[in-house]
C-alpha atoms as a PDB file:
ATOM      1  CA  MET A   1      -0.165   0.013   0.153  1.00  0.00           C
ATOM      2  CA  VAL A   2       0.855   3.878  -0.186  1.00  0.00           C
ATOM      3  CA  ALA A   3       3.144   4.993   2.464  1.00  0.00           C
ATOM      4  CA  SER A   4       0.838   8.042   3.489  1.00  0.00           C
ATOM      5  CA  THR A   5      -0.658   9.776   5.953  1.00  0.00           C
ATOM      6  CA  LEU A   6      -4.385  10.131   6.667  1.00  0.00           C
ATOM      7  CA  ALA A   7      -5.641  13.538   5.571  1.00  0.00           C
ATOM      8  CA  ALA A   8      -6.688  14.040   9.159  1.00  0.00           C
ATOM      9  CA  TRP A   9      -3.570  14.314  10.163  1.00  0.00           C
ATOM     10  CA  ALA A  10      -2.864  17.205   7.661  1.00  0.00           C
ATOM     11  CA  GLN A  11      -6.220  18.917   8.927  1.00  0.00           C
ATOM     12  CA  LEU A  12      -4.950  18.989  12.464  1.00  0.00           C
ATOM     13  CA  ILE A  13      -2.034  20.918  11.297  1.00  0.00           C
ATOM     14  CA  ALA A  14      -4.104  23.489   9.044  1.00  0.00           C
ATOM     15  CA  ARG A  15      -6.105  24.069  12.112  1.00  0.00           C
ATOM     16  CA  THR A  16      -3.143  24.729  14.308  1.00  0.00           C
ATOM     17  CA  LEU A  17      -1.916  27.401  11.675  1.00  0.00           C
ATOM     18  CA  GLU A  18      -4.769  28.943  11.344  1.00  0.00           C
ATOM     19  CA  GLU A  19      -5.525  29.662  15.147  1.00  0.00           C
ATOM     20  CA  ARG A  20      -2.141  30.956  15.274  1.00  0.00           C
ATOM     21  CA  GLY A  21      -2.760  33.441  12.514  1.00  0.00           C
ATOM     22  CA  VAL A  22      -0.728  31.610  10.069  1.00  0.00           C
ATOM     23  CA  ASP A  23      -2.412  30.868   5.977  1.00  0.00           C
ATOM     24  CA  ALA A  24      -2.795  27.601   5.795  1.00  0.00           C
ATOM     25  CA  SER A  25      -3.160  27.713   2.203  1.00  0.00           C
ATOM     26  CA  ALA A  26      -0.024  29.221   1.563  1.00  0.00           C
ATOM     27  CA  VAL A  27       2.076  26.837   3.765  1.00  0.00           C
ATOM     28  CA  PHE A  28       0.338  23.771   1.935  1.00  0.00           C
ATOM     29  CA  ALA A  29       1.243  25.172  -1.259  1.00  0.00           C
ATOM     30  CA  GLN A  30       4.874  25.362  -0.257  1.00  0.00           C
ATOM     31  CA  ALA A  31       4.645  21.758   0.592  1.00  0.00           C
ATOM     32  CA  GLY A  32       2.586  20.389  -2.426  1.00  0.00           C
ATOM     33  CA  ALA A  33       0.220  19.099  -0.503  1.00  0.00           C
ATOM     34  CA  THR A  34      -3.794  19.434  -1.260  1.00  0.00           C
ATOM     35  CA  PRO A  35      -5.481  22.707   0.012  1.00  0.00           C
ATOM     36  CA  PRO A  36      -6.831  21.917   3.363  1.00  0.00           C
ATOM     37  CA  GLU A  37      -9.954  24.187   2.139  1.00  0.00           C
ATOM     38  CA  SER A  38     -10.374  21.866  -0.788  1.00  0.00           C
ATOM     39  CA  PRO A  39     -13.654  19.503  -1.050  1.00  0.00           C
ATOM     40  CA  ARG A  40     -11.140  16.658  -1.545  1.00  0.00           C
ATOM     41  CA  SER A  41      -8.935  17.319   1.285  1.00  0.00           C
ATOM     42  CA  ALA A  42     -10.644  14.981   3.695  1.00  0.00           C
ATOM     43  CA  ASN A  43     -10.229  11.701   1.558  1.00  0.00           C
ATOM     44  CA  VAL A  44      -6.689  12.682   0.485  1.00  0.00           C
ATOM     45  CA  ARG A  45      -4.033  10.773   2.182  1.00  0.00           C
ATOM     46  CA  HIS A  46      -0.330  12.603   2.137  1.00  0.00           C
ATOM     47  CA  ALA A  47       2.892  10.650   0.906  1.00  0.00           C
ATOM     48  CA  GLY A  48       5.761  10.711   3.680  1.00  0.00           C
ATOM     49  CA  ASN A  49       7.508  13.083   1.969  1.00  0.00           C
ATOM     50  CA  VAL A  50       4.973  15.945   1.937  1.00  0.00           C
ATOM     51  CA  MET A  51       4.385  15.639   5.600  1.00  0.00           C
ATOM     52  CA  GLU A  52       7.798  16.198   6.056  1.00  0.00           C
ATOM     53  CA  ARG A  53       7.575  19.312   4.463  1.00  0.00           C
ATOM     54  CA  LEU A  54       4.327  20.194   6.387  1.00  0.00           C
ATOM     55  CA  TRP A  55       6.087  19.588   9.707  1.00  0.00           C
ATOM     56  CA  VAL A  56       9.050  21.726   8.583  1.00  0.00           C
ATOM     57  CA  LEU A  57       6.978  24.345   7.318  1.00  0.00           C
ATOM     58  CA  GLY A  58       4.413  24.224  10.083  1.00  0.00           C
ATOM     59  CA  VAL A  59       7.277  24.814  12.582  1.00  0.00           C
ATOM     60  CA  GLU A  60       8.766  27.601  10.427  1.00  0.00           C
ATOM     61  CA  ALA A  61       5.725  29.439  10.466  1.00  0.00           C
ATOM     62  CA  THR A  62       4.853  29.423  13.605  1.00  0.00           C
ATOM     63  CA  ALA A  63       8.588  29.633  15.436  1.00  0.00           C
ATOM     64  CA  ASP A  64       7.609  26.934  17.801  1.00  0.00           C
ATOM     65  CA  PRO A  65      10.144  23.938  17.886  1.00  0.00           C
ATOM     66  CA  CYS A  66       7.160  21.793  19.499  1.00  0.00           C
ATOM     67  CA  PHE A  67       4.420  22.706  17.119  1.00  0.00           C
ATOM     68  CA  GLY A  68       3.906  18.681  17.162  1.00  0.00           C
ATOM     69  CA  LEU A  69       2.284  18.957  20.728  1.00  0.00           C
ATOM     70  CA  GLU A  70      -0.020  21.694  19.478  1.00  0.00           C
ATOM     71  CA  VAL A  71      -1.148  19.787  16.436  1.00  0.00           C
ATOM     72  CA  GLY A  72      -2.061  16.346  18.387  1.00  0.00           C
ATOM     73  CA  ARG A  73      -3.937  18.011  21.481  1.00  0.00           C
ATOM     74  CA  ARG A  74      -6.054  19.349  19.098  1.00  0.00           C
ATOM     75  CA  TRP A  75      -7.219  15.639  17.945  1.00  0.00           C
ATOM     76  CA  HIS A  76     -10.766  15.259  18.034  1.00  0.00           C
ATOM     77  CA  PRO A  77     -12.945  11.467  17.584  1.00  0.00           C
ATOM     78  CA  THR A  78     -13.310  12.600  14.074  1.00  0.00           C
ATOM     79  CA  SER A  79      -9.541  12.515  13.497  1.00  0.00           C
ATOM     80  CA  PHE A  80      -9.239   8.678  13.371  1.00  0.00           C
ATOM     81  CA  HIS A  81     -12.783   8.542  11.457  1.00  0.00           C
ATOM     82  CA  ALA A  82     -14.187   5.186  12.434  1.00  0.00           C
ATOM     83  CA  LEU A  83     -11.327   3.921  14.309  1.00  0.00           C
ATOM     84  CA  GLY A  84     -11.416   7.072  16.506  1.00  0.00           C
ATOM     85  CA  TYR A  85     -15.121   5.807  17.290  1.00  0.00           C
ATOM     86  CA  VAL A  86     -13.938   2.585  17.716  1.00  0.00           C
ATOM     87  CA  ALA A  87     -11.710   3.726  20.796  1.00  0.00           C
ATOM     88  CA  LEU A  88     -14.745   6.058  22.158  1.00  0.00           C
ATOM     89  CA  ALA A  89     -16.639   2.856  22.431  1.00  0.00           C
ATOM     90  CA  SER A  90     -14.315   0.510  24.070  1.00  0.00           C
ATOM     91  CA  ALA A  91     -14.873  -0.820  27.672  1.00  0.00           C
ATOM     92  CA  SER A  92     -11.335   0.121  28.644  1.00  0.00           C
ATOM     93  CA  LEU A  93      -8.186   2.007  27.429  1.00  0.00           C
ATOM     94  CA  ASN A  94      -6.433  -1.347  26.688  1.00  0.00           C
ATOM     95  CA  GLU A  95      -9.403  -2.721  24.466  1.00  0.00           C
ATOM     96  CA  ALA A  96      -8.967   0.917  22.772  1.00  0.00           C
ATOM     97  CA  LEU A  97      -5.284   1.217  22.588  1.00  0.00           C
ATOM     98  CA  THR A  98      -5.346  -2.625  20.914  1.00  0.00           C
ATOM     99  CA  TYR A  99      -7.755  -1.407  18.384  1.00  0.00           C
ATOM    100  CA  LEU A 100      -5.426   1.645  17.293  1.00  0.00           C
ATOM    101  CA  VAL A 101      -2.814  -0.888  16.988  1.00  0.00           C
ATOM    102  CA  ARG A 102      -4.555  -3.495  14.825  1.00  0.00           C
ATOM    103  CA  TYR A 103      -5.782  -0.540  12.448  1.00  0.00           C
ATOM    104  CA  SER A 104      -2.633   1.884  12.822  1.00  0.00           C
ATOM    105  CA  ARG A 105      -2.313   1.999   9.250  1.00  0.00           C
ATOM    106  CA  ILE A 106      -5.066   3.674   8.969  1.00  0.00           C
ATOM    107  CA  VAL A 107      -3.624   6.676  10.241  1.00  0.00           C
ATOM    108  CA  SER A 108      -0.367   6.182   9.178  1.00  0.00           C
ATOM    109  CA  ALA A 109       1.533   3.785   6.929  1.00  0.00           C
ATOM    110  CA  GLU A 110       4.884   4.816   7.959  1.00  0.00           C
ATOM    111  CA  ALA A 111       4.130   3.885  11.682  1.00  0.00           C
ATOM    112  CA  VAL A 112       4.530   1.244  13.446  1.00  0.00           C
ATOM    113  CA  VAL A 113       2.255   1.160  16.795  1.00  0.00           C
ATOM    114  CA  SER A 114       2.737  -1.557  19.300  1.00  0.00           C
ATOM    115  CA  LEU A 115       1.249  -2.194  22.555  1.00  0.00           C
ATOM    116  CA  GLU A 116       3.690  -3.714  24.725  1.00  0.00           C
ATOM    117  CA  PRO A 117       3.639  -4.802  28.619  1.00  0.00           C
ATOM    118  CA  HIS A 118       6.397  -5.212  30.737  1.00  0.00           C
ATOM    119  CA  GLY A 119       6.038  -6.028  34.285  1.00  0.00           C
ATOM    120  CA  GLU A 120       3.454  -3.427  35.932  1.00  0.00           C
ATOM    121  CA  HIS A 121       3.345  -1.034  32.602  1.00  0.00           C
ATOM    122  CA  VAL A 122       2.105  -1.359  29.293  1.00  0.00           C
ATOM    123  CA  SER A 123       4.105   0.922  26.866  1.00  0.00           C
ATOM    124  CA  LEU A 124       2.237   1.969  23.544  1.00  0.00           C
ATOM    125  CA  LYS A 125       5.237   2.502  21.242  1.00  0.00           C
ATOM    126  CA  LEU A 126       5.751   4.651  18.015  1.00  0.00           C
ATOM    127  CA  ALA A 127       8.391   3.317  15.516  1.00  0.00           C
ATOM    128  CA  GLU A 128       9.186   3.910  11.999  1.00  0.00           C
ATOM    129  CA  ARG A 129       8.608   1.231   8.822  1.00  0.00           C
ATOM    130  CA  THR A 130      11.814   2.679   7.004  1.00  0.00           C
ATOM    131  CA  ALA A 131      14.701   3.565   8.473  1.00  0.00           C
ATOM    132  CA  PRO A 132      15.064   7.607   9.154  1.00  0.00           C
ATOM    133  CA  VAL A 133      17.549   9.994   7.085  1.00  0.00           C
ATOM    134  CA  PRO A 134      19.111  13.099   8.683  1.00  0.00           C
ATOM    135  CA  ARG A 135      17.500  15.618   6.914  1.00  0.00           C
ATOM    136  CA  ALA A 136      13.775  14.473   8.090  1.00  0.00           C
ATOM    137  CA  ALA A 137      14.610  13.783  11.489  1.00  0.00           C
ATOM    138  CA  PHE A 138      13.293  16.898  12.446  1.00  0.00           C
ATOM    139  CA  ALA A 139      10.256  16.519  11.152  1.00  0.00           C
ATOM    140  CA  ARG A 140       9.789  13.214  12.574  1.00  0.00           C
ATOM    141  CA  GLN A 141      10.194  14.645  16.154  1.00  0.00           C
ATOM    142  CA  ASN A 142       7.158  16.521  15.518  1.00  0.00           C
ATOM    143  CA  ALA A 143       5.195  14.182  13.966  1.00  0.00           C
ATOM    144  CA  VAL A 144       6.166  11.610  16.804  1.00  0.00           C
ATOM    145  CA  LEU A 145       5.146  14.441  19.647  1.00  0.00           C
ATOM    146  CA  ALA A 146       2.104  14.992  17.544  1.00  0.00           C
ATOM    147  CA  GLY A 147       1.223  11.121  17.772  1.00  0.00           C
ATOM    148  CA  LEU A 148       1.799  10.615  21.170  1.00  0.00           C
ATOM    149  CA  ALA A 149      -0.142  13.619  22.117  1.00  0.00           C
ATOM    150  CA  ALA A 150      -3.025  12.637  20.313  1.00  0.00           C
ATOM    151  CA  VAL A 151      -3.152   9.303  21.811  1.00  0.00           C
ATOM    152  CA  ALA A 152      -2.890  11.155  25.324  1.00  0.00           C
ATOM    153  CA  THR A 153      -5.950  13.281  24.147  1.00  0.00           C
ATOM    154  CA  LEU A 154      -7.689  10.366  22.785  1.00  0.00           C
ATOM    155  CA  CYS A 155      -7.312   8.472  26.257  1.00  0.00           C
ATOM    156  CA  ARG A 156      -8.489  11.596  28.390  1.00  0.00           C
ATOM    157  CA  VAL A 157     -11.431  11.810  26.003  1.00  0.00           C
ATOM    158  CA  ALA A 158     -12.404   8.491  25.960  1.00  0.00           C
ATOM    159  CA  ARG A 159     -11.928   8.358  30.055  1.00  0.00           C
ATOM    160  CA  GLY A 160     -13.924  11.805  30.324  1.00  0.00           C
ATOM    161  CA  SER A 161     -11.627  12.723  33.081  1.00  0.00           C
ATOM    162  CA  ALA A 162      -7.798  12.875  33.785  1.00  0.00           C
ATOM    163  CA  VAL A 163      -5.750   9.588  32.797  1.00  0.00           C
ATOM    164  CA  THR A 164      -2.462   9.329  34.945  1.00  0.00           C
ATOM    165  CA  PHE A 165       0.545   8.506  32.471  1.00  0.00           C
ATOM    166  CA  GLU A 166       3.630   6.781  34.347  1.00  0.00           C
ATOM    167  CA  ARG A 167       5.916   8.378  31.533  1.00  0.00           C
ATOM    168  CA  VAL A 168       6.456   9.798  28.161  1.00  0.00           C
ATOM    169  CA  ALA A 169       9.812   8.202  26.704  1.00  0.00           C
ATOM    170  CA  LEU A 170      11.284  10.439  23.145  1.00  0.00           C
ATOM    171  CA  LYS A 171      14.422   9.303  21.102  1.00  0.00           C
ATOM    172  CA  GLN A 172      14.860  12.816  20.543  1.00  0.00           C
ATOM    173  CA  GLN A 173      18.325  13.823  22.520  1.00  0.00           C
ATOM    174  CA  THR A 174      17.918  17.158  22.592  1.00  0.00           C
ATOM    175  CA  PRO A 175      14.698  18.455  25.234  1.00  0.00           C
ATOM    176  CA  CYS A 176      12.227  20.252  23.413  1.00  0.00           C
ATOM    177  CA  CYS A 177      10.151  22.608  25.110  1.00  0.00           C
ATOM    178  CA  ARG A 178      10.381  20.272  28.274  1.00  0.00           C
ATOM    179  CA  GLU A 179       7.875  22.277  30.192  1.00  0.00           C
ATOM    180  CA  ARG A 180       5.186  22.393  27.966  1.00  0.00           C
ATOM    181  CA  VAL A 181       5.646  18.855  27.197  1.00  0.00           C
ATOM    182  CA  GLU A 182       5.496  17.787  30.770  1.00  0.00           C
ATOM    183  CA  SER A 183       2.714  20.019  31.517  1.00  0.00           C
ATOM    184  CA  PHE A 184       0.834  18.599  28.933  1.00  0.00           C
ATOM    185  CA  PHE A 185       1.515  14.796  29.671  1.00  0.00           C
ATOM    186  CA  ALA A 186       1.569  15.910  33.253  1.00  0.00           C
ATOM    187  CA  CYS A 187       4.416  13.159  33.424  1.00  0.00           C
ATOM    188  CA  ALA A 188       8.250  12.866  33.457  1.00  0.00           C
ATOM    189  CA  VAL A 189       9.521  12.972  29.976  1.00  0.00           C
ATOM    190  CA  LEU A 190      12.681  11.028  29.418  1.00  0.00           C
ATOM    191  CA  TYR A 191      14.871  12.385  26.745  1.00  0.00           C
ATOM    192  CA  GLY A 192      17.477  10.073  24.556  1.00  0.00           C
ATOM    193  CA  ALA A 193      15.932   6.979  25.342  1.00  0.00           C
ATOM    194  CA  GLU A 194      15.879   3.847  23.076  1.00  0.00           C
ATOM    195  CA  GLU A 195      11.912   4.380  22.110  1.00  0.00           C
ATOM    196  CA  ASP A 196       8.983   6.893  21.321  1.00  0.00           C
ATOM    197  CA  ALA A 197       6.608   5.571  23.894  1.00  0.00           C
ATOM    198  CA  LEU A 198       3.810   6.494  26.118  1.00  0.00           C
ATOM    199  CA  VAL A 199       4.133   4.583  29.189  1.00  0.00           C
ATOM    200  CA  PHE A 200       0.785   3.545  31.628  1.00  0.00           C
ATOM    201  CA  ALA A 201       0.514   1.471  34.819  1.00  0.00           C
ATOM    202  CA  ARG A 202      -1.873  -1.654  34.156  1.00  0.00           C
ATOM    203  CA  PRO A 203      -4.700  -0.153  36.388  1.00  0.00           C
ATOM    204  CA  GLU A 204      -4.952   2.608  34.733  1.00  0.00           C
ATOM    205  CA  LEU A 205      -5.452   0.753  31.117  1.00  0.00           C
ATOM    206  CA  SER A 206      -7.946  -1.676  32.897  1.00  0.00           C
ATOM    207  CA  ALA A 207     -10.795   0.484  34.180  1.00  0.00           C
ATOM    208  CA  PRO A 208     -13.950   0.688  32.536  1.00  0.00           C
ATOM    209  CA  LEU A 209     -14.484   3.384  30.138  1.00  0.00           C
ATOM    210  CA  PRO A 210     -18.102   5.215  30.732  1.00  0.00           C
ATOM    211  CA  GLY A 211     -18.842   5.201  26.803  1.00  0.00           C
ATOM    212  CA  ALA A 212     -18.320   1.225  26.514  1.00  0.00           C
ATOM    213  CA  SER A 213     -20.816   0.107  23.935  1.00  0.00           C
ATOM    214  CA  THR A 214     -20.299  -3.241  22.462  1.00  0.00           C
ATOM    215  CA  GLU A 215     -22.821  -2.227  19.394  1.00  0.00           C
ATOM    216  CA  LEU A 216     -20.927   0.550  18.566  1.00  0.00           C
ATOM    217  CA  VAL A 217     -17.715  -0.937  18.911  1.00  0.00           C
ATOM    218  CA  GLN A 218     -18.930  -3.710  16.367  1.00  0.00           C
ATOM    219  CA  LEU A 219     -20.691  -1.201  13.837  1.00  0.00           C
ATOM    220  CA  ASN A 220     -17.271   1.030  13.412  1.00  0.00           C
ATOM    221  CA  GLN A 221     -14.806  -1.630  13.987  1.00  0.00           C
ATOM    222  CA  GLY A 222     -16.493  -2.927  10.469  1.00  0.00           C
ATOM    223  CA  LEU A 223     -15.959   0.300   8.832  1.00  0.00           C
ATOM    224  CA  ALA A 224     -12.334   0.374   9.763  1.00  0.00           C
ATOM    225  CA  ALA A 225     -11.672  -3.370   8.929  1.00  0.00           C
ATOM    226  CA  GLY A 226     -13.242  -2.379   5.299  1.00  0.00           C
ATOM    227  CA  HIS A 227     -10.826   0.594   5.102  1.00  0.00           C
ATOM    228  CA  LEU A 228      -8.008  -1.305   6.253  1.00  0.00           C
ATOM    229  CA  ALA A 229      -8.854  -3.812   3.109  1.00  0.00           C
ATOM    230  CA  GLU A 230      -9.053  -0.920   0.737  1.00  0.00           C
ATOM    231  CA  LEU A 231      -6.087   0.662   1.181  1.00  0.00           C
ATOM    232  CA  GLU A 232      -4.056  -2.732   1.337  1.00  0.00           C
ATOM    233  CA  SER A 233      -5.105  -3.473  -1.827  1.00  0.00           C
ATOM    234  CA  GLN A 234      -3.040  -0.896  -3.229  1.00  0.00           C
ATOM    235  CA  PRO A 235      -0.450  -1.587  -6.042  1.00  0.00           C
ATOM    236  CA  PHE A 236       2.848  -2.774  -4.773  1.00  0.00           C
ATOM    237  CA  ALA A 237       4.573   0.166  -6.582  1.00  0.00           C
ATOM    238  CA  HIS A 238       3.058   2.490  -4.927  1.00  0.00           C
ATOM    239  CA  GLU A 239       4.852   0.985  -1.642  1.00  0.00           C
ATOM    240  CA  VAL A 240       7.941   1.167  -3.445  1.00  0.00           C
ATOM    241  CA  ARG A 241       7.726   4.755  -4.600  1.00  0.00           C
ATOM    242  CA  ALA A 242       6.992   5.790  -0.907  1.00  0.00           C
ATOM    243  CA  HIS A 243       9.755   4.472   0.170  1.00  0.00           C
ATOM    244  CA  ILE A 244      12.218   5.186  -2.793  1.00  0.00           C
ATOM    245  CA  ALA A 245      10.756   9.450  -1.894  1.00  0.00           C
ATOM    246  CA  ARG A 246      11.825   8.674   1.673  1.00  0.00           C
ATOM    247  CA  LEU A 247      15.493   7.334   0.621  1.00  0.00           C
ATOM    248  CA  LEU A 248      16.351  10.026  -1.903  1.00  0.00           C
ATOM    249  CA  PRO A 249      17.901  12.909  -0.010  1.00  0.00           C
ATOM    250  CA  SER A 250      19.995  10.295   1.731  1.00  0.00           C
ATOM    251  CA  GLY A 251      21.354   9.205  -1.850  1.00  0.00           C
ATOM    252  CA  ARG A 252      20.616   5.874  -0.875  1.00  0.00           C
ATOM    253  CA  ALA A 253      17.344   5.066  -3.360  1.00  0.00           C
ATOM    254  CA  ASN A 254      18.431   2.303  -4.938  1.00  0.00           C
ATOM    255  CA  GLN A 255      17.282  -1.475  -5.477  1.00  0.00           C
ATOM    256  CA  GLN A 256      19.161  -2.587  -3.005  1.00  0.00           C
ATOM    257  CA  ALA A 257      18.264  -0.316  -0.379  1.00  0.00           C
ATOM    258  CA  VAL A 258      14.700  -0.341  -1.024  1.00  0.00           C
ATOM    259  CA  ALA A 259      14.153  -4.037  -0.954  1.00  0.00           C
ATOM    260  CA  ARG A 260      15.843  -4.293   2.588  1.00  0.00           C
ATOM    261  CA  ALA A 261      13.056  -1.531   3.551  1.00  0.00           C
ATOM    262  CA  LEU A 262      10.694  -3.920   2.241  1.00  0.00           C
ATOM    263  CA  ARG A 263      12.369  -6.782   4.366  1.00  0.00           C
ATOM    264  CA  MET A 264      12.447  -8.873   0.746  1.00  0.00           C
ATOM    265  CA  GLY A 265      15.248  -9.390  -2.002  1.00  0.00           C
ATOM    266  CA  GLN A 266      15.899  -7.798  -5.199  1.00  0.00           C
ATOM    267  CA  ARG A 267      14.460 -10.339  -6.872  1.00  0.00           C
ATOM    268  CA  SER A 268      11.105 -11.070  -4.962  1.00  0.00           C
ATOM    269  CA  LEU A 269      11.034  -7.062  -5.237  1.00  0.00           C
ATOM    270  CA  GLN A 270      11.546  -6.877  -9.326  1.00  0.00           C
ATOM    271  CA  ARG A 271       9.034 -10.129  -9.861  1.00  0.00           C
ATOM    272  CA  ARG A 272       6.317  -8.170  -7.867  1.00  0.00           C
ATOM    273  CA  LEU A 273       7.054  -5.062  -9.903  1.00  0.00           C
ATOM    274  CA  GLN A 274       7.058  -7.082 -13.082  1.00  0.00           C
ATOM    275  CA  LEU A 275       3.705  -8.337 -12.159  1.00  0.00           C
ATOM    276  CA  GLU A 276       2.140  -4.758 -12.444  1.00  0.00           C
ATOM    277  CA  ASN A 277       3.929  -4.405 -15.511  1.00  0.00           C
ATOM    278  CA  ALA A 278       6.406  -1.894 -13.758  1.00  0.00           C
ATOM    279  CA  SER A 279      10.306  -1.617 -13.316  1.00  0.00           C
ATOM    280  CA  PHE A 280      12.267  -0.052 -10.411  1.00  0.00           C
ATOM    281  CA  ARG A 281      14.128   2.157 -12.802  1.00  0.00           C
ATOM    282  CA  ARG A 282      10.814   3.344 -14.209  1.00  0.00           C
ATOM    283  CA  VAL A 283       8.962   3.607 -10.512  1.00  0.00           C
ATOM    284  CA  LEU A 284      12.216   5.978  -9.558  1.00  0.00           C
ATOM    285  CA  ASP A 285      12.027   8.241 -12.021  1.00  0.00           C
ATOM    286  CA  ASP A 286       8.384   8.989 -11.922  1.00  0.00           C
ATOM    287  CA  THR A 287       8.650   9.404  -8.330  1.00  0.00           C
ATOM    288  CA  ARG A 288      11.322  11.658  -8.957  1.00  0.00           C
ATOM    289  CA  ARG A 289       9.812  13.574 -11.337  1.00  0.00           C
ATOM    290  CA  GLU A 290       6.396  13.813  -9.225  1.00  0.00           C
ATOM    291  CA  LEU A 291       8.574  15.005  -6.204  1.00  0.00           C
ATOM    292  CA  ALA A 292      10.285  17.981  -8.771  1.00  0.00           C
ATOM    293  CA  GLN A 293       6.570  19.214  -9.913  1.00  0.00           C
ATOM    294  CA  GLY A 294       6.349  20.092  -6.164  1.00  0.00           C
ATOM    295  CA  TYR A 295       9.571  20.998  -4.912  1.00  0.00           C
ATOM    296  CA  PHE A 296      10.485  23.803  -7.608  1.00  0.00           C
ATOM    297  CA  LYS A 297       6.338  25.733  -6.502  1.00  0.00           C
ATOM    298  CA  ASP A 298       8.322  26.095  -3.472  1.00  0.00           C
ATOM    299  CA  PRO A 299      10.300  29.459  -4.026  1.00  0.00           C
ATOM    300  CA  THR A 300      12.288  29.005  -0.722  1.00  0.00           C
ATOM    301  CA  LEU A 301      14.102  25.908  -2.403  1.00  0.00           C
ATOM    302  CA  ALA A 302      17.373  26.571  -4.112  1.00  0.00           C
ATOM    303  CA  THR A 303      17.849  24.554  -7.226  1.00  0.00           C
ATOM    304  CA  ALA A 304      20.635  22.752  -5.743  1.00  0.00           C
ATOM    305  CA  GLU A 305      18.749  21.928  -2.903  1.00  0.00           C
ATOM    306  CA  VAL A 306      16.008  20.237  -5.169  1.00  0.00           C
ATOM    307  CA  ALA A 307      19.038  18.435  -6.567  1.00  0.00           C
ATOM    308  CA  TYR A 308      19.899  17.015  -3.313  1.00  0.00           C
ATOM    309  CA  LEU A 309      16.384  16.151  -2.009  1.00  0.00           C
ATOM    310  CA  LEU A 310      16.179  14.343  -5.599  1.00  0.00           C
ATOM    311  CA  GLY A 311      19.098  12.030  -4.882  1.00  0.00           C
ATOM    312  CA  PHE A 312      21.265  13.507  -7.657  1.00  0.00           C
ATOM    313  CA  SER A 313      25.051  14.303  -6.861  1.00  0.00           C
ATOM    314  CA  GLU A 314      25.335  17.307  -9.013  1.00  0.00           C
ATOM    315  CA  THR A 315      22.541  20.067 -10.095  1.00  0.00           C
ATOM    316  CA  SER A 316      23.482  19.337 -14.219  1.00  0.00           C
ATOM    317  CA  SER A 317      21.859  15.441 -13.482  1.00  0.00           C
ATOM    318  CA  LEU A 318      18.637  17.552 -12.578  1.00  0.00           C
ATOM    319  CA  SER A 319      19.058  19.527 -15.288  1.00  0.00           C
ATOM    320  CA  ARG A 320      19.062  17.047 -17.514  1.00  0.00           C
ATOM    321  CA  ALA A 321      16.266  15.024 -15.774  1.00  0.00           C
ATOM    322  CA  MET A 322      14.204  18.075 -16.464  1.00  0.00           C
ATOM    323  CA  ARG A 323      14.704  18.526 -19.777  1.00  0.00           C
ATOM    324  CA  ARG A 324      13.696  14.447 -20.021  1.00  0.00           C
ATOM    325  CA  TRP A 325      10.958  15.231 -18.056  1.00  0.00           C
ATOM    326  CA  GLY A 326       9.672  18.071 -20.058  1.00  0.00           C
ATOM    327  CA  LEU A 327       9.803  20.355 -17.036  1.00  0.00           C
ATOM    328  CA  THR A 328      11.403  23.632 -16.385  1.00  0.00           C
ATOM    329  CA  ALA A 329      12.518  24.833 -12.929  1.00  0.00           C
ATOM    330  CA  ARG A 330      11.227  27.796 -12.613  1.00  0.00           C
END
């Protein structure tokens, strides 16, 4: 399936920008994303590289290094569609988070969400399906912070009152707005951790929720399962394209690296693409072309920087590709 992110995240970003007095449409245009006010925006899933640009531009536009926290705290039951309502109708937070893990690919195909017990505690962990590239680290920090804040908000809404968290663990080394983060989660925050996680005491997860409804869970779980099945039926080439887009800035968007990210051999990757009448070289070229069209809409990106983002070692290589694609830089 396409490694992309539910449009609700982009809409939460847009809402946060507007509340800060920033023109969200202008920011979305810079990122090459569907305008937040577009009738199509509610059903659009944004590719990972577009979301990275939105996170970076959101931080720049608001001058807030903890922009992700503000986005996550604006979570609403409609943000995750049917999955959000499944969580609210669950019998306990443990059940709600179990459904969130099961259907997490509806929210983002790039994130791996797990619920892991250890002694008297249970950790909800966020990880990535692909290896991070240095340039995207700052964007990922905000995305992770938004994700954990959204889960915390979901828990509070489902409980209808305060929820006690044992601690928050963040892989980022540098404390970001420590006081604001600690105030929001109302617990200790560990920086430089081995994983990104929200840690609960077992009794906190097992307590009954006031809105529990077996009928609503069954209804919305069916909708969530149908949505997930639809997403997973997407062409394999889309998934390859998403990994290529993520690896391009590192200069490692080759067939070997993508096959490794997909946990398969290069021959298996080739066979899967051939079944769709595609090839790795063609998918790589198409991905670069589509990204180039978006990057050159951003006046803040120099040609040399676009070349870097597309994995070209020299601007001359980008120029030749642009001529072949029939595109002009600006």
